[in-house]
Amino acid sequence: MMMPTESLLDDGPLAAAAATGLSSRFRLWRGPDGRRQVYSVYAATEAPDYPGAVALAVRREKDRCVVTWAGPSGGGAHEAARLFGAEEIHLRILPPGESLAQALPEMESGPLAPL
């Protein structure tokens, strides 16, 4: 099981969206490879099931986000959010050529320990 400090770092809201009032709808996460990735933020009960999307079940703690689970979007993400007390699901739609297997091998393992 991978710890969040080894797999994902919360890089905060998307600053480019601040002028439009949409910054709360997007979150930046730094992946294991060091690249920053943009995720769309949804309430845990309202996240869509996009095929080919990475989902993070996220709990808010003060001014930071804590990933409690990472895996493919859909029913598993909704169930993980419920089980691990996550208020949000963050989704990243994968670009052409990147598979779920490529995006998740280091993260998908069920619950992740809080930071």
PDB file of N, CA and C in Angstrom:
ATOM      1  N   MET A   1       0.846  -1.172   0.000  1.00  0.00           N
ATOM      2  CA  MET A   1       0.000   0.000   0.000  1.00  0.00           C
ATOM      3  C   MET A   1       0.892   1.236   0.000  1.00  0.00           C
ATOM      4  N   MET A   2       0.567   2.193  -0.845  1.00  0.00           N
ATOM      5  CA  MET A   2       1.375   3.399  -0.957  1.00  0.00           C
ATOM      6  C   MET A   2       0.813   4.492  -0.062  1.00  0.00           C
ATOM      7  N   MET A   3       1.694   5.195   0.614  1.00  0.00           N
ATOM      8  CA  MET A   3       1.294   6.310   1.460  1.00  0.00           C
ATOM      9  C   MET A   3       1.143   7.551   0.583  1.00  0.00           C
ATOM     10  N   PRO A   4       0.210   8.473   0.937  1.00  0.00           N
ATOM     11  CA  PRO A   4       0.026   9.671   0.125  1.00  0.00           C
ATOM     12  C   PRO A   4       1.288  10.501  -0.030  1.00  0.00           C
ATOM     13  N   THR A   5       2.136  10.523   0.969  1.00  0.00           N
ATOM     14  CA  THR A   5       3.357  11.318   0.852  1.00  0.00           C
ATOM     15  C   THR A   5       4.263  10.742  -0.223  1.00  0.00           C
ATOM     16  N   GLU A   6       4.098   9.472  -0.559  1.00  0.00           N
ATOM     17  CA  GLU A   6       4.905   8.848  -1.589  1.00  0.00           C
ATOM     18  C   GLU A   6       4.235   8.920  -2.952  1.00  0.00           C
ATOM     19  N   SER A   7       2.907   9.115  -2.991  1.00  0.00           N
ATOM     20  CA  SER A   7       2.202   9.012  -4.252  1.00  0.00           C
ATOM     21  C   SER A   7       1.616  10.322  -4.739  1.00  0.00           C
ATOM     22  N   LEU A   8       0.962  11.094  -3.888  1.00  0.00           N
ATOM     23  CA  LEU A   8       0.294  12.318  -4.314  1.00  0.00           C
ATOM     24  C   LEU A   8       0.512  13.438  -3.316  1.00  0.00           C
ATOM     25  N   LEU A   9       0.792  14.620  -3.834  1.00  0.00           N
ATOM     26  CA  LEU A   9       0.918  15.789  -2.981  1.00  0.00           C
ATOM     27  C   LEU A   9      -0.117  16.813  -3.412  1.00  0.00           C
ATOM     28  N   ASP A  10      -0.851  17.371  -2.453  1.00  0.00           N
ATOM     29  CA  ASP A  10      -1.853  18.389  -2.723  1.00  0.00           C
ATOM     30  C   ASP A  10      -1.138  19.687  -3.084  1.00  0.00           C
ATOM     31  N   ASP A  11      -1.339  20.166  -4.318  1.00  0.00           N
ATOM     32  CA  ASP A  11      -0.725  21.413  -4.767  1.00  0.00           C
ATOM     33  C   ASP A  11      -1.713  22.571  -4.774  1.00  0.00           C
ATOM     34  N   GLY A  12      -2.866  22.397  -4.142  1.00  0.00           N
ATOM     35  CA  GLY A  12      -3.821  23.481  -3.972  1.00  0.00           C
ATOM     36  C   GLY A  12      -4.768  23.679  -5.137  1.00  0.00           C
ATOM     37  N   PRO A  13      -5.599  24.717  -5.028  1.00  0.00           N
ATOM     38  CA  PRO A  13      -6.568  24.995  -6.087  1.00  0.00           C
ATOM     39  C   PRO A  13      -5.869  25.509  -7.345  1.00  0.00           C
ATOM     40  N   LEU A  14      -6.564  25.425  -8.458  1.00  0.00           N
ATOM     41  CA  LEU A  14      -6.046  25.870  -9.740  1.00  0.00           C
ATOM     42  C   LEU A  14      -6.116  27.397  -9.793  1.00  0.00           C
ATOM     43  N   ALA A  15      -4.973  28.060  -9.685  1.00  0.00           N
ATOM     44  CA  ALA A  15      -4.926  29.522  -9.620  1.00  0.00           C
ATOM     45  C   ALA A  15      -5.472  30.169 -10.887  1.00  0.00           C
ATOM     46  N   ALA A  16      -5.290  29.542 -12.032  1.00  0.00           N
ATOM     47  CA  ALA A  16      -5.763  30.117 -13.292  1.00  0.00           C
ATOM     48  C   ALA A  16      -7.283  30.268 -13.318  1.00  0.00           C
ATOM     49  N   ALA A  17      -7.987  29.508 -12.500  1.00  0.00           N
ATOM     50  CA  ALA A  17      -9.447  29.578 -12.470  1.00  0.00           C
ATOM     51  C   ALA A  17      -9.965  30.562 -11.439  1.00  0.00           C
ATOM     52  N   ALA A  18      -9.090  31.162 -10.651  1.00  0.00           N
ATOM     53  CA  ALA A  18      -9.508  32.053  -9.567  1.00  0.00           C
ATOM     54  C   ALA A  18     -10.275  33.269 -10.075  1.00  0.00           C
ATOM     55  N   ALA A  19      -9.853  33.860 -11.187  1.00  0.00           N
ATOM     56  CA  ALA A  19     -10.501  35.060 -11.716  1.00  0.00           C
ATOM     57  C   ALA A  19     -11.934  34.782 -12.162  1.00  0.00           C
ATOM     58  N   THR A  20     -12.226  33.546 -12.475  1.00  0.00           N
ATOM     59  CA  THR A  20     -13.574  33.193 -12.936  1.00  0.00           C
ATOM     60  C   THR A  20     -14.468  32.706 -11.802  1.00  0.00           C
ATOM     61  N   GLY A  21     -13.900  32.571 -10.602  1.00  0.00           N
ATOM     62  CA  GLY A  21     -14.670  32.057  -9.482  1.00  0.00           C
ATOM     63  C   GLY A  21     -14.811  30.542  -9.498  1.00  0.00           C
ATOM     64  N   LEU A  22     -14.054  29.888 -10.342  1.00  0.00           N
ATOM     65  CA  LEU A  22     -14.159  28.426 -10.486  1.00  0.00           C
ATOM     66  C   LEU A  22     -13.031  27.668  -9.797  1.00  0.00           C
ATOM     67  N   SER A  23     -12.184  28.342  -9.036  1.00  0.00           N
ATOM     68  CA  SER A  23     -11.022  27.658  -8.459  1.00  0.00           C
ATOM     69  C   SER A  23     -11.409  26.527  -7.519  1.00  0.00           C
ATOM     70  N   SER A  24     -12.565  26.603  -6.881  1.00  0.00           N
ATOM     71  CA  SER A  24     -12.986  25.517  -5.981  1.00  0.00           C
ATOM     72  C   SER A  24     -13.401  24.269  -6.754  1.00  0.00           C
ATOM     73  N   ARG A  25     -13.574  24.377  -8.059  1.00  0.00           N
ATOM     74  CA  ARG A  25     -13.984  23.233  -8.887  1.00  0.00           C
ATOM     75  C   ARG A  25     -12.812  22.416  -9.396  1.00  0.00           C
ATOM     76  N   PHE A  26     -11.589  22.913  -9.168  1.00  0.00           N
ATOM     77  CA  PHE A  26     -10.403  22.231  -9.671  1.00  0.00           C
ATOM     78  C   PHE A  26      -9.340  22.179  -8.584  1.00  0.00           C
ATOM     79  N   ARG A  27      -8.549  21.106  -8.598  1.00  0.00           N
ATOM     80  CA  ARG A  27      -7.461  20.942  -7.629  1.00  0.00           C
ATOM     81  C   ARG A  27      -6.246  20.414  -8.365  1.00  0.00           C
ATOM     82  N   LEU A  28      -5.091  20.897  -7.979  1.00  0.00           N
ATOM     83  CA  LEU A  28      -3.834  20.391  -8.532  1.00  0.00           C
ATOM     84  C   LEU A  28      -3.258  19.341  -7.593  1.00  0.00           C
ATOM     85  N   TRP A  29      -2.840  18.232  -8.159  1.00  0.00           N
ATOM     86  CA  TRP A  29      -2.153  17.177  -7.412  1.00  0.00           C
ATOM     87  C   TRP A  29      -0.848  16.900  -8.134  1.00  0.00           C
ATOM     88  N   ARG A  30       0.201  16.698  -7.364  1.00  0.00           N
ATOM     89  CA  ARG A  30       1.500  16.333  -7.924  1.00  0.00           C
ATOM     90  C   ARG A  30       1.633  14.821  -7.805  1.00  0.00           C
ATOM     91  N   GLY A  31       1.793  14.166  -8.960  1.00  0.00           N
ATOM     92  CA  GLY A  31       1.858  12.711  -9.000  1.00  0.00           C
ATOM     93  C   GLY A  31       3.217  12.174  -8.607  1.00  0.00           C
ATOM     94  N   PRO A  32       3.341  10.844  -8.571  1.00  0.00           N
ATOM     95  CA  PRO A  32       4.600  10.210  -8.168  1.00  0.00           C
ATOM     96  C   PRO A  32       5.772  10.592  -9.066  1.00  0.00           C
ATOM     97  N   ASP A  33       5.476  10.962 -10.305  1.00  0.00           N
ATOM     98  CA  ASP A  33       6.537  11.345 -11.233  1.00  0.00           C
ATOM     99  C   ASP A  33       6.916  12.819 -11.123  1.00  0.00           C
ATOM    100  N   GLY A  34       6.241  13.564 -10.214  1.00  0.00           N
ATOM    101  CA  GLY A  34       6.549  14.972 -10.017  1.00  0.00           C
ATOM    102  C   GLY A  34       5.734  15.928 -10.874  1.00  0.00           C
ATOM    103  N   ARG A  35       4.969  15.392 -11.844  1.00  0.00           N
ATOM    104  CA  ARG A  35       4.152  16.254 -12.698  1.00  0.00           C
ATOM    105  C   ARG A  35       2.900  16.718 -11.958  1.00  0.00           C
ATOM    106  N   ARG A  36       2.507  17.972 -12.196  1.00  0.00           N
ATOM    107  CA  ARG A  36       1.265  18.501 -11.639  1.00  0.00           C
ATOM    108  C   ARG A  36       0.124  18.111 -12.560  1.00  0.00           C
ATOM    109  N   GLN A  37      -0.958  17.642 -11.960  1.00  0.00           N
ATOM    110  CA  GLN A  37      -2.111  17.193 -12.733  1.00  0.00           C
ATOM    111  C   GLN A  37      -3.361  17.892 -12.209  1.00  0.00           C
ATOM    112  N   VAL A  38      -4.238  18.299 -13.129  1.00  0.00           N
ATOM    113  CA  VAL A  38      -5.470  18.988 -12.773  1.00  0.00           C
ATOM    114  C   VAL A  38      -6.593  17.959 -12.617  1.00  0.00           C
ATOM    115  N   TYR A  39      -7.283  18.057 -11.476  1.00  0.00           N
ATOM    116  CA  TYR A  39      -8.437  17.205 -11.198  1.00  0.00           C
ATOM    117  C   TYR A  39      -9.673  18.077 -11.032  1.00  0.00           C
ATOM    118  N   SER A  40     -10.812  17.614 -11.524  1.00  0.00           N
ATOM    119  CA  SER A  40     -12.099  18.275 -11.277  1.00  0.00           C
ATOM    120  C   SER A  40     -12.615  17.810  -9.926  1.00  0.00           C
ATOM    121  N   VAL A  41     -13.211  18.717  -9.161  1.00  0.00           N
ATOM    122  CA  VAL A  41     -13.681  18.425  -7.804  1.00  0.00           C
ATOM    123  C   VAL A  41     -15.198  18.287  -7.811  1.00  0.00           C
ATOM    124  N   TYR A  42     -15.689  17.197  -7.225  1.00  0.00           N
ATOM    125  CA  TYR A  42     -17.125  16.934  -7.107  1.00  0.00           C
ATOM    126  C   TYR A  42     -17.452  16.532  -5.675  1.00  0.00           C
ATOM    127  N   ALA A  43     -18.660  16.828  -5.246  1.00  0.00           N
ATOM    128  CA  ALA A  43     -19.151  16.249  -3.996  1.00  0.00           C
ATOM    129  C   ALA A  43     -19.156  14.730  -4.200  1.00  0.00           C
ATOM    130  N   ALA A  44     -18.858  13.986  -3.151  1.00  0.00           N
ATOM    131  CA  ALA A  44     -18.720  12.528  -3.279  1.00  0.00           C
ATOM    132  C   ALA A  44     -19.963  11.871  -3.874  1.00  0.00           C
ATOM    133  N   THR A  45     -21.130  12.406  -3.582  1.00  0.00           N
ATOM    134  CA  THR A  45     -22.374  11.809  -4.089  1.00  0.00           C
ATOM    135  C   THR A  45     -22.721  12.257  -5.494  1.00  0.00           C
ATOM    136  N   GLU A  46     -21.983  13.221  -6.046  1.00  0.00           N
ATOM    137  CA  GLU A  46     -22.331  13.782  -7.355  1.00  0.00           C
ATOM    138  C   GLU A  46     -21.294  13.534  -8.442  1.00  0.00           C
ATOM    139  N   ALA A  47     -20.236  12.818  -8.135  1.00  0.00           N
ATOM    140  CA  ALA A  47     -19.178  12.588  -9.121  1.00  0.00           C
ATOM    141  C   ALA A  47     -19.679  11.699 -10.251  1.00  0.00           C
ATOM    142  N   PRO A  48     -19.453  12.111 -11.506  1.00  0.00           N
ATOM    143  CA  PRO A  48     -19.866  11.279 -12.634  1.00  0.00           C
ATOM    144  C   PRO A  48     -18.953  10.069 -12.787  1.00  0.00           C
ATOM    145  N   ASP A  49     -19.428   9.098 -13.534  1.00  0.00           N
ATOM    146  CA  ASP A  49     -18.658   7.890 -13.811  1.00  0.00           C
ATOM    147  C   ASP A  49     -18.092   8.008 -15.219  1.00  0.00           C
ATOM    148  N   TYR A  50     -16.910   8.610 -15.326  1.00  0.00           N
ATOM    149  CA  TYR A  50     -16.269   8.755 -16.624  1.00  0.00           C
ATOM    150  C   TYR A  50     -15.398   7.532 -16.883  1.00  0.00           C
ATOM    151  N   PRO A  51     -15.604   6.858 -18.006  1.00  0.00           N
ATOM    152  CA  PRO A  51     -14.678   5.768 -18.329  1.00  0.00           C
ATOM    153  C   PRO A  51     -13.296   6.358 -18.595  1.00  0.00           C
ATOM    154  N   GLY A  52     -12.292   5.687 -18.157  1.00  0.00           N
ATOM    155  CA  GLY A  52     -10.937   6.159 -18.384  1.00  0.00           C
ATOM    156  C   GLY A  52     -10.560   7.371 -17.554  1.00  0.00           C
ATOM    157  N   ALA A  53     -11.083   7.463 -16.340  1.00  0.00           N
ATOM    158  CA  ALA A  53     -10.724   8.571 -15.453  1.00  0.00           C
ATOM    159  C   ALA A  53     -10.182   8.031 -14.139  1.00  0.00           C
ATOM    160  N   VAL A  54      -9.213   8.740 -13.591  1.00  0.00           N
ATOM    161  CA  VAL A  54      -8.667   8.424 -12.270  1.00  0.00           C
ATOM    162  C   VAL A  54      -9.505   9.163 -11.240  1.00  0.00           C
ATOM    163  N   ALA A  55      -9.872   8.472 -10.170  1.00  0.00           N
ATOM    164  CA  ALA A  55     -10.652   9.083  -9.091  1.00  0.00           C
ATOM    165  C   ALA A  55      -9.848   9.069  -7.797  1.00  0.00           C
ATOM    166  N   LEU A  56      -9.961  10.156  -7.057  1.00  0.00           N
ATOM    167  CA  LEU A  56      -9.387  10.246  -5.716  1.00  0.00           C
ATOM    168  C   LEU A  56     -10.528  10.512  -4.748  1.00  0.00           C
ATOM    169  N   ALA A  57     -10.687   9.685  -3.738  1.00  0.00           N
ATOM    170  CA  ALA A  57     -11.637   9.970  -2.657  1.00  0.00           C
ATOM    171  C   ALA A  57     -10.886  10.871  -1.686  1.00  0.00           C
ATOM    172  N   VAL A  58     -11.438  12.071  -1.423  1.00  0.00           N
ATOM    173  CA  VAL A  58     -10.706  13.109  -0.696  1.00  0.00           C
ATOM    174  C   VAL A  58     -11.488  13.602   0.510  1.00  0.00           C
ATOM    175  N   ARG A  59     -10.780  13.718   1.602  1.00  0.00           N
ATOM    176  CA  ARG A  59     -11.339  14.297   2.833  1.00  0.00           C
ATOM    177  C   ARG A  59     -10.669  15.641   3.056  1.00  0.00           C
ATOM    178  N   ARG A  60     -11.457  16.652   3.404  1.00  0.00           N
ATOM    179  CA  ARG A  60     -10.906  17.983   3.694  1.00  0.00           C
ATOM    180  C   ARG A  60     -10.542  18.053   5.170  1.00  0.00           C
ATOM    181  N   GLU A  61      -9.348  18.506   5.458  1.00  0.00           N
ATOM    182  CA  GLU A  61      -8.891  18.719   6.832  1.00  0.00           C
ATOM    183  C   GLU A  61      -8.297  20.111   6.905  1.00  0.00           C
ATOM    184  N   LYS A  62      -9.031  21.024   7.523  1.00  0.00           N
ATOM    185  CA  LYS A  62      -8.640  22.437   7.601  1.00  0.00           C
ATOM    186  C   LYS A  62      -8.437  22.965   6.197  1.00  0.00           C
ATOM    187  N   ASP A  63      -7.241  23.410   5.852  1.00  0.00           N
ATOM    188  CA  ASP A  63      -7.018  24.001   4.534  1.00  0.00           C
ATOM    189  C   ASP A  63      -6.303  23.058   3.567  1.00  0.00           C
ATOM    190  N   ARG A  64      -6.339  21.768   3.853  1.00  0.00           N
ATOM    191  CA  ARG A  64      -5.682  20.824   2.949  1.00  0.00           C
ATOM    192  C   ARG A  64      -6.616  19.672   2.613  1.00  0.00           C
ATOM    193  N   CYS A  65      -6.256  18.971   1.573  1.00  0.00           N
ATOM    194  CA  CYS A  65      -7.003  17.794   1.136  1.00  0.00           C
ATOM    195  C   CYS A  65      -6.170  16.551   1.437  1.00  0.00           C
ATOM    196  N   VAL A  66      -6.848  15.486   1.863  1.00  0.00           N
ATOM    197  CA  VAL A  66      -6.184  14.222   2.169  1.00  0.00           C
ATOM    198  C   VAL A  66      -6.832  13.128   1.331  1.00  0.00           C
ATOM    199  N   VAL A  67      -6.033  12.443   0.543  1.00  0.00           N
ATOM    200  CA  VAL A  67      -6.534  11.334  -0.279  1.00  0.00           C
ATOM    201  C   VAL A  67      -6.693  10.110   0.607  1.00  0.00           C
ATOM    202  N   THR A  68      -7.897   9.521   0.578  1.00  0.00           N
ATOM    203  CA  THR A  68      -8.141   8.306   1.351  1.00  0.00           C
ATOM    204  C   THR A  68      -8.175   7.063   0.471  1.00  0.00           C
ATOM    205  N   TRP A  69      -8.310   7.263  -0.850  1.00  0.00           N
ATOM    206  CA  TRP A  69      -8.392   6.149  -1.795  1.00  0.00           C
ATOM    207  C   TRP A  69      -8.115   6.674  -3.188  1.00  0.00           C
ATOM    208  N   ALA A  70      -7.487   5.876  -4.039  1.00  0.00           N
ATOM    209  CA  ALA A  70      -7.264   6.215  -5.441  1.00  0.00           C
ATOM    210  C   ALA A  70      -7.568   5.003  -6.287  1.00  0.00           C
ATOM    211  N   GLY A  71      -8.215   5.232  -7.426  1.00  0.00           N
ATOM    212  CA  GLY A  71      -8.560   4.140  -8.326  1.00  0.00           C
ATOM    213  C   GLY A  71      -9.378   4.649  -9.493  1.00  0.00           C
ATOM    214  N   PRO A  72      -9.985   3.738 -10.252  1.00  0.00           N
ATOM    215  CA  PRO A  72     -10.804   4.161 -11.385  1.00  0.00           C
ATOM    216  C   PRO A  72     -12.103   4.815 -10.908  1.00  0.00           C
ATOM    217  N   SER A  73     -12.634   5.724 -11.723  1.00  0.00           N
ATOM    218  CA  SER A  73     -13.897   6.377 -11.366  1.00  0.00           C
ATOM    219  C   SER A  73     -15.034   5.360 -11.419  1.00  0.00           C
ATOM    220  N   GLY A  74     -16.153   5.734 -10.840  1.00  0.00           N
ATOM    221  CA  GLY A  74     -17.327   4.864 -10.862  1.00  0.00           C
ATOM    222  C   GLY A  74     -17.743   4.412  -9.487  1.00  0.00           C
ATOM    223  N   GLY A  75     -18.417   3.266  -9.452  1.00  0.00           N
ATOM    224  CA  GLY A  75     -18.967   2.742  -8.212  1.00  0.00           C
ATOM    225  C   GLY A  75     -17.941   2.509  -7.121  1.00  0.00           C
ATOM    226  N   GLY A  76     -16.754   2.046  -7.492  1.00  0.00           N
ATOM    227  CA  GLY A  76     -15.714   1.822  -6.491  1.00  0.00           C
ATOM    228  C   GLY A  76     -15.289   3.100  -5.802  1.00  0.00           C
ATOM    229  N   ALA A  77     -15.233   4.188  -6.559  1.00  0.00           N
ATOM    230  CA  ALA A  77     -14.858   5.481  -5.982  1.00  0.00           C
ATOM    231  C   ALA A  77     -15.940   5.972  -5.024  1.00  0.00           C
ATOM    232  N   HIS A  78     -17.191   5.793  -5.410  1.00  0.00           N
ATOM    233  CA  HIS A  78     -18.300   6.216  -4.548  1.00  0.00           C
ATOM    234  C   HIS A  78     -18.319   5.409  -3.247  1.00  0.00           C
ATOM    235  N   GLU A  79     -18.101   4.124  -3.374  1.00  0.00           N
ATOM    236  CA  GLU A  79     -18.077   3.250  -2.186  1.00  0.00           C
ATOM    237  C   GLU A  79     -16.901   3.595  -1.280  1.00  0.00           C
ATOM    238  N   ALA A  80     -15.724   3.849  -1.881  1.00  0.00           N
ATOM    239  CA  ALA A  80     -14.549   4.216  -1.086  1.00  0.00           C
ATOM    240  C   ALA A  80     -14.784   5.533  -0.354  1.00  0.00           C
ATOM    241  N   ALA A  81     -15.399   6.495  -1.029  1.00  0.00           N
ATOM    242  CA  ALA A  81     -15.681   7.781  -0.385  1.00  0.00           C
ATOM    243  C   ALA A  81     -16.581   7.573   0.825  1.00  0.00           C
ATOM    244  N   ARG A  82     -17.589   6.733   0.669  1.00  0.00           N
ATOM    245  CA  ARG A  82     -18.509   6.459   1.783  1.00  0.00           C
ATOM    246  C   ARG A  82     -17.781   5.750   2.918  1.00  0.00           C
ATOM    247  N   LEU A  83     -17.012   4.730   2.599  1.00  0.00           N
ATOM    248  CA  LEU A  83     -16.324   3.938   3.622  1.00  0.00           C
ATOM    249  C   LEU A  83     -15.261   4.709   4.389  1.00  0.00           C
ATOM    250  N   PHE A  84     -14.548   5.595   3.687  1.00  0.00           N
ATOM    251  CA  PHE A  84     -13.414   6.280   4.298  1.00  0.00           C
ATOM    252  C   PHE A  84     -13.703   7.724   4.684  1.00  0.00           C
ATOM    253  N   GLY A  85     -14.974   8.112   4.666  1.00  0.00           N
ATOM    254  CA  GLY A  85     -15.357   9.446   5.132  1.00  0.00           C
ATOM    255  C   GLY A  85     -14.905  10.583   4.248  1.00  0.00           C
ATOM    256  N   ALA A  86     -14.794  10.333   2.951  1.00  0.00           N
ATOM    257  CA  ALA A  86     -14.389  11.387   2.016  1.00  0.00           C
ATOM    258  C   ALA A  86     -15.605  12.210   1.611  1.00  0.00           C
ATOM    259  N   GLU A  87     -15.447  13.529   1.610  1.00  0.00           N
ATOM    260  CA  GLU A  87     -16.535  14.421   1.212  1.00  0.00           C
ATOM    261  C   GLU A  87     -16.520  14.707  -0.282  1.00  0.00           C
ATOM    262  N   GLU A  88     -15.381  14.468  -0.918  1.00  0.00           N
ATOM    263  CA  GLU A  88     -15.232  14.811  -2.328  1.00  0.00           C
ATOM    264  C   GLU A  88     -14.623  13.654  -3.111  1.00  0.00           C
ATOM    265  N   ILE A  89     -14.881  13.679  -4.414  1.00  0.00           N
ATOM    266  CA  ILE A  89     -14.178  12.824  -5.357  1.00  0.00           C
ATOM    267  C   ILE A  89     -13.548  13.745  -6.381  1.00  0.00           C
ATOM    268  N   HIS A  90     -12.231  13.612  -6.572  1.00  0.00           N
ATOM    269  CA  HIS A  90     -11.511  14.402  -7.560  1.00  0.00           C
ATOM    270  C   HIS A  90     -11.252  13.493  -8.755  1.00  0.00           C
ATOM    271  N   LEU A  91     -11.574  13.980  -9.959  1.00  0.00           N
ATOM    272  CA  LEU A  91     -11.437  13.176 -11.169  1.00  0.00           C
ATOM    273  C   LEU A  91     -10.442  13.806 -12.134  1.00  0.00           C
ATOM    274  N   ARG A  92      -9.634  12.942 -12.733  1.00  0.00           N
ATOM    275  CA  ARG A  92      -8.729  13.367 -13.810  1.00  0.00           C
ATOM    276  C   ARG A  92      -9.002  12.487 -15.010  1.00  0.00           C
ATOM    277  N   ILE A  93      -9.477  13.121 -16.074  1.00  0.00           N
ATOM    278  CA  ILE A  93      -9.714  12.386 -17.319  1.00  0.00           C
ATOM    279  C   ILE A  93      -8.371  12.193 -17.996  1.00  0.00           C
ATOM    280  N   LEU A  94      -8.085  10.962 -18.343  1.00  0.00           N
ATOM    281  CA  LEU A  94      -6.773  10.642 -18.903  1.00  0.00           C
ATOM    282  C   LEU A  94      -6.656  11.107 -20.348  1.00  0.00           C
ATOM    283  N   PRO A  95      -5.486  11.596 -20.738  1.00  0.00           N
ATOM    284  CA  PRO A  95      -5.274  12.019 -22.126  1.00  0.00           C
ATOM    285  C   PRO A  95      -5.180  10.802 -23.041  1.00  0.00           C
ATOM    286  N   PRO A  96      -5.385  11.013 -24.327  1.00  0.00           N
ATOM    287  CA  PRO A  96      -5.238   9.894 -25.276  1.00  0.00           C
ATOM    288  C   PRO A  96      -3.860   9.254 -25.117  1.00  0.00           C
ATOM    289  N   GLY A  97      -3.854   7.954 -25.125  1.00  0.00           N
ATOM    290  CA  GLY A  97      -2.598   7.222 -25.018  1.00  0.00           C
ATOM    291  C   GLY A  97      -2.197   6.842 -23.604  1.00  0.00           C
ATOM    292  N   GLU A  98      -2.857   7.414 -22.576  1.00  0.00           N
ATOM    293  CA  GLU A  98      -2.543   7.037 -21.195  1.00  0.00           C
ATOM    294  C   GLU A  98      -3.667   6.162 -20.670  1.00  0.00           C
ATOM    295  N   SER A  99      -3.338   4.958 -20.243  1.00  0.00           N
ATOM    296  CA  SER A  99      -4.337   4.022 -19.751  1.00  0.00           C
ATOM    297  C   SER A  99      -4.458   4.100 -18.232  1.00  0.00           C
ATOM    298  N   LEU A 100      -5.551   3.566 -17.717  1.00  0.00           N
ATOM    299  CA  LEU A 100      -5.705   3.486 -16.262  1.00  0.00           C
ATOM    300  C   LEU A 100      -4.561   2.690 -15.644  1.00  0.00           C
ATOM    301  N   ALA A 101      -4.139   1.633 -16.328  1.00  0.00           N
ATOM    302  CA  ALA A 101      -3.040   0.812 -15.810  1.00  0.00           C
ATOM    303  C   ALA A 101      -1.763   1.638 -15.680  1.00  0.00           C
ATOM    304  N   GLN A 102      -1.537   2.580 -16.617  1.00  0.00           N
ATOM    305  CA  GLN A 102      -0.348   3.438 -16.541  1.00  0.00           C
ATOM    306  C   GLN A 102      -0.505   4.488 -15.448  1.00  0.00           C
ATOM    307  N   ALA A 103      -1.730   4.985 -15.263  1.00  0.00           N
ATOM    308  CA  ALA A 103      -1.963   6.077 -14.318  1.00  0.00           C
ATOM    309  C   ALA A 103      -2.036   5.600 -12.874  1.00  0.00           C
ATOM    310  N   LEU A 104      -2.430   4.354 -12.658  1.00  0.00           N
ATOM    311  CA  LEU A 104      -2.722   3.893 -11.308  1.00  0.00           C
ATOM    312  C   LEU A 104      -1.792   2.874 -10.679  1.00  0.00           C
ATOM    313  N   PRO A 105      -0.811   2.312 -11.354  1.00  0.00           N
ATOM    314  CA  PRO A 105      -0.101   1.190 -10.735  1.00  0.00           C
ATOM    315  C   PRO A 105       0.498   1.496  -9.383  1.00  0.00           C
ATOM    316  N   GLU A 106       0.949   2.730  -9.155  1.00  0.00           N
ATOM    317  CA  GLU A 106       1.567   3.068  -7.878  1.00  0.00           C
ATOM    318  C   GLU A 106       0.559   3.548  -6.849  1.00  0.00           C
ATOM    319  N   MET A 107      -0.642   3.928  -7.305  1.00  0.00           N
ATOM    320  CA  MET A 107      -1.617   4.499  -6.374  1.00  0.00           C
ATOM    321  C   MET A 107      -2.711   3.514  -5.984  1.00  0.00           C
ATOM    322  N   GLU A 108      -3.220   2.741  -6.951  1.00  0.00           N
ATOM    323  CA  GLU A 108      -4.389   1.936  -6.656  1.00  0.00           C
ATOM    324  C   GLU A 108      -4.032   0.793  -5.726  1.00  0.00           C
ATOM    325  N   SER A 109      -4.536   0.850  -4.532  1.00  0.00           N
ATOM    326  CA  SER A 109      -4.287  -0.215  -3.570  1.00  0.00           C
ATOM    327  C   SER A 109      -5.314  -0.127  -2.451  1.00  0.00           C
ATOM    328  N   GLY A 110      -6.399   0.564  -2.720  1.00  0.00           N
ATOM    329  CA  GLY A 110      -7.421   0.713  -1.687  1.00  0.00           C
ATOM    330  C   GLY A 110      -7.112   1.924  -0.829  1.00  0.00           C
ATOM    331  N   PRO A 111      -7.358   1.821   0.453  1.00  0.00           N
ATOM    332  CA  PRO A 111      -7.206   3.002   1.315  1.00  0.00           C
ATOM    333  C   PRO A 111      -5.750   3.433   1.432  1.00  0.00           C
ATOM    334  N   LEU A 112      -5.577   4.720   1.497  1.00  0.00           N
ATOM    335  CA  LEU A 112      -4.248   5.294   1.713  1.00  0.00           C
ATOM    336  C   LEU A 112      -4.247   5.915   3.095  1.00  0.00           C
ATOM    337  N   ALA A 113      -3.179   5.777   3.819  1.00  0.00           N
ATOM    338  CA  ALA A 113      -3.101   6.341   5.164  1.00  0.00           C
ATOM    339  C   ALA A 113      -3.053   7.853   5.086  1.00  0.00           C
ATOM    340  N   PRO A 114      -3.765   8.577   5.961  1.00  0.00           N
ATOM    341  CA  PRO A 114      -3.683  10.044   5.951  1.00  0.00           C
ATOM    342  C   PRO A 114      -2.260  10.498   6.230  1.00  0.00           C
ATOM    343  N   LEU A 115      -1.956  11.720   5.769  1.00  0.00           N
ATOM    344  CA  LEU A 115      -0.615  12.296   5.986  1.00  0.00           C
ATOM    345  C   LEU A 115      -0.333  12.447   7.456  1.00  0.00           C
TER     346      LEU A 115
END
